[in-house]
């Protein structure tokens, strides 16, 4: 890993290794060795001098998953330092950095020194992986995408944990997605990934816990970068969909418990106070200002964020019950609209996306609005509107989704919720 980071080992050798890992796997000792090597290939956040716990959250990727935008300021407002390092969209899933950068002026490329200073001052920074953090992982991550080895569990676990442990954390909460829209659709493999990452964190003295959450339909009502910022700000004002609220509050509770600032019995009340008092919103405002963003986004996001010129309503062509809103298809649709990437070099349109009017289980009549597409031109809006009608399944039978939060995983084992 050190040689690879220094360009002393060619890509084709690492590509061969990645493929071998995909087919043969790695045992726990090998996975930890890989993670430590990637961690030690670069620098780290130095936060040991802080008097408060340092806890982050990582999601394995979903559609409509704007949780981090709400969660980071919320937990920081509860007395926990949150050095949140996020990524960009990958495949059909969205990326926190792309969402934040739809806010005019917002800088996610902070140096380690800048991030440290900001965390000392306001308790939170929302940043991307810098050139200083795990450079070997950054190179291998891009190579995995090009060699179809993204879904190898040891490589996922080592990659995620090398970055997270570089943040100088005392605790980590993992949001491991499962279901049709997740990178790990199979529950057993999602549990395996959670256990592997927990073992890596605990071995380095970082208390680590995972929640398995469903990704069988988009989370919340909005999918698309600027649209998801609008929904996140609305949530901080107390206006949010029940599924987004449930997942966000559950992860916040776990972060407070892992950080040791509140026992489970009272952590929920602390989270609710930070939301109801406006403390979480004000902390988000401080983060936006600190990172160069337009603070007006905190009160009037639709006036500040980029807006697509075309609104195209998609209406039901038959009556019945919404059976499925497949997240992979929705993520791909947003890419087709220009809101995601096919290659790392692609430039995205932050304004485009989908605003849903229905959820799985809702009853609709012919002509009812299912969604509104936000698009750059009428032609692509009509084309993708037809694709959306084809993707949303409507039938006659009642429909119920999987439990939104199904398992809690710790070093002690798996608890079904």
Protein backbone atom coordinates (compact mmCIF):
# COMPACT_ATOMS: atom_id res chain seq x y z
CA UNK A 1 0.00 0.00 0.00
CA UNK A 2 2.85 2.43 0.77
CA UNK A 3 4.48 1.61 -2.56
CA UNK A 4 1.18 1.94 -4.40
CA UNK A 5 0.51 5.34 -2.85
CA UNK A 6 4.00 6.39 -3.97
CA UNK A 7 3.37 5.21 -7.58
CA UNK A 8 5.99 2.49 -7.21
CA UNK A 9 3.51 -0.34 -7.94
CA UNK A 10 1.52 -0.33 -11.21
CA UNK A 11 -2.26 -0.42 -11.34
CA UNK A 12 -2.35 -3.80 -13.06
CA UNK A 13 -0.77 -5.49 -10.04
CA UNK A 14 -3.29 -3.95 -7.64
CA UNK A 15 -6.09 -4.78 -10.07
CA UNK A 16 -5.03 -8.42 -9.91
CA UNK A 17 -4.98 -8.27 -6.11
CA UNK A 18 -8.45 -6.69 -5.97
CA UNK A 19 -9.86 -9.39 -8.23
CA UNK A 20 -8.22 -12.10 -6.12
CA UNK A 21 -9.84 -10.60 -3.01
CA UNK A 22 -13.22 -10.52 -4.76
CA UNK A 23 -13.02 -14.25 -5.58
CA UNK A 24 -11.05 -15.58 -2.60
CA UNK A 25 -11.93 -13.18 0.20
CA UNK A 26 -9.70 -12.16 3.10
CA UNK A 27 -9.72 -13.42 6.66
CA UNK A 28 -10.03 -10.99 9.58
CA UNK A 29 -6.28 -10.65 10.09
CA UNK A 30 -5.63 -9.93 6.41
CA UNK A 31 -8.45 -7.37 6.27
CA UNK A 32 -7.11 -5.58 9.32
CA UNK A 33 -3.59 -5.56 7.85
CA UNK A 34 -4.88 -4.00 4.63
CA UNK A 35 -6.90 -1.41 6.55
CA UNK A 36 -3.95 -0.44 8.76
CA UNK A 37 -1.63 -0.17 5.74
CA UNK A 38 -4.06 2.18 3.97
CA UNK A 39 -4.61 4.17 7.17
CA UNK A 40 -0.88 4.61 7.68
CA UNK A 41 -0.27 5.68 4.06
CA UNK A 42 -1.33 9.23 4.98
CA UNK A 43 -2.07 11.72 7.75
CA UNK A 44 -4.82 11.92 10.36
CA UNK A 45 -6.97 14.46 12.15
CA UNK A 46 -5.36 15.26 15.52
CA UNK A 47 -8.32 15.72 17.87
CA UNK A 48 -7.15 13.92 21.02
CA UNK A 49 -6.91 17.23 22.85
CA UNK A 50 -10.68 17.82 22.68
CA UNK A 51 -12.55 17.35 25.95
CA UNK A 52 -15.66 15.96 24.23
CA UNK A 53 -16.15 12.63 22.42
CA UNK A 54 -15.54 12.43 18.67
CA UNK A 55 -18.11 10.37 16.78
CA UNK A 56 -18.89 10.03 13.08
CA UNK A 57 -21.49 8.17 11.01
CA UNK A 58 -20.98 6.33 7.75
CA UNK A 59 -23.67 5.14 5.34
CA UNK A 60 -22.94 2.42 2.81
CA UNK A 61 -24.95 4.37 0.23
CA UNK A 62 -28.57 4.88 -0.72
CA UNK A 63 -30.97 6.86 -2.87
CA UNK A 64 -32.44 10.01 -1.33
CA UNK A 65 -30.14 9.55 1.69
CA UNK A 66 -29.62 13.10 2.93
CA UNK A 67 -29.32 11.99 6.57
CA UNK A 68 -25.76 13.30 7.06
CA UNK A 69 -26.83 16.89 6.34
CA UNK A 70 -29.24 16.76 9.28
CA UNK A 71 -27.41 14.34 11.54
CA UNK A 72 -24.02 16.06 11.77
CA UNK A 73 -25.28 19.43 13.10
CA UNK A 74 -27.89 17.67 15.24
CA UNK A 75 -25.35 15.52 17.08
CA UNK A 76 -22.87 18.40 17.32
CA UNK A 77 -25.61 20.44 19.00
CA UNK A 78 -25.88 17.65 21.60
CA UNK A 79 -22.25 18.03 22.68
CA UNK A 80 -20.39 15.60 20.42
CA UNK A 81 -17.58 16.55 18.02
CA UNK A 82 -18.50 15.31 14.54
CA UNK A 83 -15.58 15.21 12.06
CA UNK A 84 -17.72 13.94 9.17
CA UNK A 85 -15.77 12.86 6.11
CA UNK A 86 -18.09 12.03 3.22
CA UNK A 87 -17.91 10.99 -0.41
CA UNK A 88 -19.40 11.75 -3.80
CA UNK A 89 -22.09 9.83 -5.64
CA UNK A 90 -21.11 6.28 -6.59
CA UNK A 91 -23.15 4.33 -9.14
CA UNK A 92 -26.86 4.80 -8.55
CA UNK A 93 -26.33 6.28 -5.06
CA UNK A 94 -25.98 9.94 -4.18
CA UNK A 95 -23.07 11.61 -2.39
CA UNK A 96 -23.09 14.02 0.56
CA UNK A 97 -20.35 16.20 -0.94
CA UNK A 98 -22.32 16.75 -4.15
CA UNK A 99 -25.35 17.80 -2.11
CA UNK A 100 -23.37 20.22 0.04
CA UNK A 101 -21.67 21.74 -3.00
CA UNK A 102 -25.07 22.65 -4.46
CA UNK A 103 -25.09 25.36 -1.75
CA UNK A 104 -23.48 28.44 -3.36
CA UNK A 105 -19.94 28.91 -2.06
CA UNK A 106 -19.84 25.83 0.17
CA UNK A 107 -16.30 24.38 0.42
CA UNK A 108 -15.86 20.70 1.17
CA UNK A 109 -12.13 20.61 0.32
CA UNK A 110 -10.68 21.59 3.66
CA UNK A 111 -7.16 20.71 4.71
CA UNK A 112 -6.67 18.70 7.88
CA UNK A 113 -5.54 21.88 9.65
CA UNK A 114 -8.65 23.79 8.52
CA UNK A 115 -10.94 20.94 9.54
CA UNK A 116 -9.28 20.67 12.96
CA UNK A 117 -9.68 24.39 13.62
CA UNK A 118 -13.34 24.31 12.62
CA UNK A 119 -14.11 21.28 14.79
CA UNK A 120 -12.40 22.97 17.74
CA UNK A 121 -14.56 26.06 17.22
CA UNK A 122 -18.02 24.73 16.33
CA UNK A 123 -17.78 20.98 16.89
CA UNK A 124 -18.33 19.83 13.31
CA UNK A 125 -16.85 19.85 9.81
CA UNK A 126 -18.38 18.35 6.66
CA UNK A 127 -15.46 17.49 4.42
CA UNK A 128 -14.25 15.22 1.65
CA UNK A 129 -11.29 12.86 1.71
CA UNK A 130 -8.24 15.11 1.41
CA UNK A 131 -4.99 14.24 -0.32
CA UNK A 132 -3.56 13.73 3.18
CA UNK A 133 -6.04 11.03 4.26
CA UNK A 134 -5.38 7.39 3.25
CA UNK A 135 -3.98 8.15 -0.24
CA UNK A 136 -3.55 4.43 -0.94
CA UNK A 137 -7.26 3.93 -0.37
CA UNK A 138 -8.13 6.82 -2.67
CA UNK A 139 -6.18 5.21 -5.51
CA UNK A 140 -7.51 1.70 -4.84
CA UNK A 141 -11.08 3.02 -4.56
CA UNK A 142 -10.94 4.39 -8.11
CA UNK A 143 -9.33 1.18 -9.36
CA UNK A 144 -12.06 -0.97 -7.76
CA UNK A 145 -14.71 1.02 -9.59
CA UNK A 146 -12.93 0.39 -12.91
CA UNK A 147 -12.37 -3.33 -12.28
CA UNK A 148 -15.84 -4.34 -10.99
CA UNK A 149 -14.49 -5.21 -7.55
CA UNK A 150 -16.49 -2.59 -5.59
CA UNK A 151 -18.62 -5.19 -3.79
CA UNK A 152 -15.80 -7.24 -2.24
CA UNK A 153 -16.59 -7.10 1.50
CA UNK A 154 -12.96 -7.02 2.74
CA UNK A 155 -12.15 -4.17 0.35
CA UNK A 156 -15.28 -2.23 1.37
CA UNK A 157 -14.56 -2.70 5.07
CA UNK A 158 -10.87 -1.78 4.83
CA UNK A 159 -11.62 1.24 2.64
CA UNK A 160 -14.34 2.69 4.88
CA UNK A 161 -12.51 2.07 8.13
CA UNK A 162 -9.14 3.40 6.93
CA UNK A 163 -10.81 6.76 6.28
CA UNK A 164 -12.93 6.77 9.42
CA UNK A 165 -10.10 5.82 11.76
CA UNK A 166 -8.01 8.62 10.25
CA UNK A 167 -10.52 11.06 11.77
CA UNK A 168 -9.27 10.45 15.31
CA UNK A 169 -12.63 9.11 16.48
CA UNK A 170 -13.69 7.71 19.84
CA UNK A 171 -16.87 6.23 18.35
CA UNK A 172 -18.42 5.34 15.01
CA UNK A 173 -21.99 4.52 13.95
CA UNK A 174 -22.53 2.65 10.68
CA UNK A 175 -25.71 2.86 8.61
CA UNK A 176 -25.52 -0.36 6.61
CA UNK A 177 -28.12 -0.33 3.87
CA UNK A 178 -29.84 -3.52 2.75
CA UNK A 179 -32.60 -4.21 0.23
CA UNK A 180 -33.02 -3.75 -3.50
CA UNK A 181 -31.35 -0.32 -3.67
CA UNK A 182 -28.32 -1.14 -1.52
CA UNK A 183 -24.85 -2.24 -2.60
CA UNK A 184 -25.49 -5.20 -0.26
CA UNK A 185 -29.08 -6.21 -1.10
CA UNK A 186 -28.77 -9.51 0.80
CA UNK A 187 -29.34 -9.21 4.55
CA UNK A 188 -26.77 -11.87 5.42
CA UNK A 189 -24.03 -10.10 3.44
CA UNK A 190 -25.00 -6.75 4.96
CA UNK A 191 -24.65 -8.27 8.44
CA UNK A 192 -21.29 -9.74 7.44
CA UNK A 193 -20.07 -6.34 6.27
CA UNK A 194 -21.30 -4.69 9.49
CA UNK A 195 -19.54 -7.29 11.66
CA UNK A 196 -16.28 -6.94 9.71
CA UNK A 197 -16.24 -3.13 10.08
CA UNK A 198 -17.16 -3.30 13.77
CA UNK A 199 -14.27 -5.70 14.41
CA UNK A 200 -11.85 -3.31 12.67
CA UNK A 201 -13.06 -0.33 14.70
CA UNK A 202 -13.08 -2.10 18.05
CA UNK A 203 -9.58 -3.49 17.46
CA UNK A 204 -8.31 0.10 17.18
CA UNK A 205 -10.10 1.26 20.33
CA UNK A 206 -13.05 2.92 18.57
CA UNK A 207 -16.44 1.89 19.90
CA UNK A 208 -18.41 0.90 16.80
CA UNK A 209 -22.06 -0.01 16.26
CA UNK A 210 -24.14 -0.56 13.11
CA UNK A 211 -27.82 -0.27 12.25
CA UNK A 212 -29.20 -2.16 9.26
CA UNK A 213 -31.66 0.11 7.46
CA UNK A 214 -33.92 -0.63 4.50
CA UNK A 215 -33.19 0.76 1.05
CA UNK A 216 -36.17 -0.67 -0.84
CA UNK A 217 -37.49 2.77 -1.83
CA UNK A 218 -35.88 6.23 -1.80
CA UNK A 219 -35.49 7.78 1.65
CA UNK A 220 -37.71 10.81 2.03
CA UNK A 221 -39.51 12.58 -0.81
CA UNK A 222 -36.63 14.21 -2.69
CA UNK A 223 -33.88 12.67 -4.84
CA UNK A 224 -31.31 15.01 -6.40
CA UNK A 225 -28.61 17.19 -4.92
CA UNK A 226 -30.21 20.61 -4.38
CA UNK A 227 -33.63 19.04 -3.78
CA UNK A 228 -32.20 16.94 -0.97
CA UNK A 229 -30.66 20.02 0.64
CA UNK A 230 -34.13 21.61 0.58
CA UNK A 231 -35.57 18.54 2.32
CA UNK A 232 -32.76 18.50 4.89
CA UNK A 233 -33.31 22.17 5.75
CA UNK A 234 -37.06 21.58 6.00
CA UNK A 235 -36.30 18.73 8.41
CA UNK A 236 -34.21 21.01 10.61
CA UNK A 237 -37.23 23.34 10.70
CA UNK A 238 -39.39 20.40 11.85
CA UNK A 239 -40.98 19.54 8.50
CA UNK A 240 -39.86 16.12 7.36
CA UNK A 241 -41.12 12.73 6.17
CA UNK A 242 -41.57 10.07 8.82
CA UNK A 243 -39.06 7.63 7.30
CA UNK A 244 -36.28 10.23 7.12
CA UNK A 245 -37.01 11.28 10.71
CA UNK A 246 -36.99 7.71 12.01
CA UNK A 247 -33.61 6.85 10.50
CA UNK A 248 -31.98 10.17 11.45
CA UNK A 249 -33.16 10.11 15.08
CA UNK A 250 -32.16 6.45 15.50
CA UNK A 251 -28.63 7.15 14.23
CA UNK A 252 -28.37 10.27 16.41
CA UNK A 253 -29.32 8.25 19.49
CA UNK A 254 -26.65 5.65 18.68
CA UNK A 255 -24.04 8.41 18.26
CA UNK A 256 -24.86 9.91 21.66
CA UNK A 257 -24.75 6.50 23.32
CA UNK A 258 -21.49 5.50 21.61
CA UNK A 259 -20.03 8.89 22.55
CA UNK A 260 -21.01 8.37 26.18
CA UNK A 261 -22.82 11.72 26.47
CA UNK A 262 -26.22 10.15 27.23
CA UNK A 263 -27.56 6.71 28.18
CA UNK A 264 -29.98 5.10 25.76
CA UNK A 265 -32.93 5.88 28.06
CA UNK A 266 -32.42 9.65 27.76
CA UNK A 267 -30.55 10.02 24.45
CA UNK A 268 -33.79 10.26 22.46
CA UNK A 269 -35.01 13.15 24.60
CA UNK A 270 -31.71 14.99 24.11
CA UNK A 271 -32.03 14.61 20.35
CA UNK A 272 -35.61 15.89 20.39
CA UNK A 273 -34.61 18.94 22.45
CA UNK A 274 -31.88 19.85 19.97
CA UNK A 275 -34.40 19.66 17.14
CA UNK A 276 -37.29 21.44 18.86
CA UNK A 277 -35.14 24.27 20.26
CA UNK A 278 -33.62 25.08 16.88
CA UNK A 279 -30.11 24.26 18.16
CA UNK A 280 -29.52 21.76 15.35
CA UNK A 281 -30.58 24.31 12.72
CA UNK A 282 -28.31 26.96 14.21
CA UNK A 283 -25.38 24.56 14.22
CA UNK A 284 -26.02 23.83 10.54
CA UNK A 285 -25.99 27.59 9.90
CA UNK A 286 -22.60 27.87 11.65
CA UNK A 287 -21.21 25.06 9.48
CA UNK A 288 -22.47 26.67 6.28
CA UNK A 289 -20.92 30.03 7.22
CA UNK A 290 -17.64 28.44 8.33
CA UNK A 291 -17.28 26.57 5.04
CA UNK A 292 -18.08 29.56 2.84
CA UNK A 293 -21.69 28.77 1.97
CA UNK A 294 -24.60 31.19 1.64
CA UNK A 295 -26.33 31.16 5.07
CA UNK A 296 -29.65 32.16 3.51
CA UNK A 297 -29.98 28.49 2.56
CA UNK A 298 -30.89 27.81 6.19
CA UNK A 299 -34.10 29.82 5.97
CA UNK A 300 -35.07 30.09 2.31
CA UNK A 301 -33.33 27.24 0.50
CA UNK A 302 -35.45 27.40 -2.67
CA UNK A 303 -34.41 31.04 -3.15
CA UNK A 304 -30.69 30.26 -2.89
CA UNK A 305 -30.16 26.81 -4.39
CA UNK A 306 -30.03 26.14 -8.13
CA UNK A 307 -33.43 25.44 -9.63
CA UNK A 308 -34.20 23.40 -12.75
CA UNK A 309 -36.12 25.28 -15.48
CA UNK A 310 -38.57 22.45 -16.25
CA UNK A 311 -41.13 20.83 -13.93
CA UNK A 312 -42.76 17.73 -15.39
CA UNK A 313 -45.57 16.06 -13.47
CA UNK A 314 -45.84 12.27 -13.69
CA UNK A 315 -49.37 10.96 -13.14
CA UNK A 316 -50.80 7.51 -12.54
CA UNK A 317 -52.11 5.71 -15.62
CA UNK A 318 -54.08 3.22 -13.51
CA UNK A 319 -55.61 3.11 -10.06
CA UNK A 320 -54.49 0.86 -7.23
CA UNK A 321 -51.84 0.61 -4.56
CA UNK A 322 -48.21 1.65 -5.07
CA UNK A 323 -46.30 -1.64 -4.86
CA UNK A 324 -42.72 -0.49 -5.51
CA UNK A 325 -40.58 2.59 -6.13
CA UNK A 326 -37.29 0.86 -7.04
CA UNK A 327 -34.34 2.94 -5.78
CA UNK A 328 -31.81 1.67 -8.31
CA UNK A 329 -34.07 2.72 -11.16
CA UNK A 330 -34.65 6.11 -9.52
CA UNK A 331 -30.92 6.63 -8.98
CA UNK A 332 -30.25 5.76 -12.61
CA UNK A 333 -33.02 8.13 -13.71
CA UNK A 334 -31.35 11.00 -11.83
CA UNK A 335 -28.08 10.17 -13.60
CA UNK A 336 -29.93 10.34 -16.93
CA UNK A 337 -31.29 13.76 -15.94
CA UNK A 338 -27.69 14.89 -15.36
CA UNK A 339 -27.69 14.76 -11.57
CA UNK A 340 -25.17 11.92 -11.20
CA UNK A 341 -21.98 10.61 -12.73
CA UNK A 342 -21.12 7.81 -15.13
CA UNK A 343 -17.41 8.58 -14.73
CA UNK A 344 -15.46 10.40 -12.03
CA UNK A 345 -14.80 13.30 -14.43
CA UNK A 346 -18.50 13.97 -15.19
CA UNK A 347 -19.90 17.37 -14.23
CA UNK A 348 -23.29 17.11 -12.54
CA UNK A 349 -26.31 19.39 -12.67
CA UNK A 350 -27.21 20.01 -9.00
CA UNK A 351 -30.71 21.30 -9.79
CA UNK A 352 -32.25 18.19 -11.36
CA UNK A 353 -34.00 15.32 -9.61
CA UNK A 354 -37.31 13.84 -8.56
CA UNK A 355 -39.87 15.01 -6.00
CA UNK A 356 -42.18 12.15 -4.99
CA UNK A 357 -45.82 12.61 -4.06
CA UNK A 358 -46.44 8.97 -3.07
CA UNK A 359 -44.84 6.18 -1.05
CA UNK A 360 -45.11 2.41 -1.25
CA UNK A 361 -48.50 1.41 0.16
CA UNK A 362 -50.32 4.59 -0.91
CA UNK A 363 -53.55 4.21 -2.87
CA UNK A 364 -53.82 6.25 -6.06
CA UNK A 365 -56.44 6.91 -8.73
CA UNK A 366 -55.95 7.45 -12.44
CA UNK A 367 -54.47 10.92 -12.96
CA UNK A 368 -53.10 11.33 -9.43
CA UNK A 369 -49.65 12.90 -9.29
CA UNK A 370 -46.95 10.33 -8.54
CA UNK A 371 -43.95 12.63 -8.80
CA UNK A 372 -42.54 15.81 -10.30
CA UNK A 373 -39.37 15.69 -12.35
CA UNK A 374 -37.02 18.68 -12.12
CA UNK A 375 -35.19 18.71 -15.45
CA UNK A 376 -32.99 20.89 -17.64
CA UNK A 377 -35.16 20.56 -20.78
CA UNK A 378 -38.67 19.42 -21.71
CA UNK A 379 -37.48 16.61 -24.00
CA UNK A 380 -35.48 14.78 -21.36
CA UNK A 381 -38.21 15.46 -18.80
CA UNK A 382 -40.79 13.70 -20.98
CA UNK A 383 -38.43 10.82 -21.74
CA UNK A 384 -37.53 10.22 -18.10
CA UNK A 385 -41.11 10.81 -17.02
CA UNK A 386 -42.10 7.83 -19.16
CA UNK A 387 -39.27 5.82 -17.59
CA UNK A 388 -40.55 6.76 -14.12
CA UNK A 389 -44.10 5.65 -14.95
CA UNK A 390 -42.68 2.32 -16.08
CA UNK A 391 -40.57 1.97 -12.92
CA UNK A 392 -43.27 2.69 -10.31
CA UNK A 393 -45.32 -0.47 -9.85
CA UNK A 394 -49.04 -0.07 -9.10
CA UNK A 395 -51.19 -3.11 -8.31
CA UNK A 396 -54.31 -4.21 -6.55
CA UNK A 397 -52.87 -5.97 -3.49
CA UNK A 398 -52.01 -4.19 -0.24
CA UNK A 399 -48.30 -3.34 -0.02
CA UNK A 400 -46.07 -3.07 3.01
CA UNK A 401 -42.35 -2.46 3.00
CA UNK A 402 -39.68 -4.09 5.14
CA UNK A 403 -38.99 -2.66 8.61
CA UNK A 404 -37.07 0.57 8.20
CA UNK A 405 -34.51 -0.36 10.87
CA UNK A 406 -34.15 -4.12 11.24
CA UNK A 407 -30.97 -4.89 13.26
CA UNK A 408 -28.47 -3.37 15.66
CA UNK A 409 -25.01 -4.93 15.42
CA UNK A 410 -22.31 -4.49 18.07
CA UNK A 411 -19.15 -6.31 19.09
CA UNK A 412 -21.40 -8.42 21.34
CA UNK A 413 -23.52 -9.68 18.44
CA UNK A 414 -26.66 -9.04 16.40
CA UNK A 415 -29.94 -7.76 17.85
CA UNK A 416 -33.09 -7.89 15.73
CA UNK A 417 -35.18 -4.76 16.32
